[in-house]
Amino acid sequence: ICLYITEIFLHTLLYIQVTIESCKVAASVGDKSVISVALLSAMAVSIWIVKDLFLQLVFCRKCEKFYTSMERVPDYCTLILKTSCS
C-alpha cells in the first residue's frame, strides 16, 4: 500500500509540473488554440488525479475490511475446534 501511495504522490507531482509548464508555454505563445489545449490537458490531469485518489481510497477500504476479517480467524478456528471435539 505504501508503495502505491508513493507512486500516486510522485506521479501527481509530475503531472502537475508538466501541466504548469504547458500552461506557461501556452501563455507565452498567446495563441487561443494552444491555451485551450493546455487547459484541456490540465482538466484531464485533474480528473486522472481524482480517479487515482478514489481508487486508492477503495483499495485502502478493502484492505481494512480484509484485515478486520483476518483478526476474527482465530476466534472462528477455536469455535470450529470446540464444536468438532464435542
Foldseek 3Di string as FASTA:
>chain_A
DVVLVVVLVVVLVVLVVVLVVQCVVCVVVVDPVSNVVSVVSVVVSVVVSVVSVVVVVVVVVVVVVVVVVVVCVVVVVVVVVVVVVD
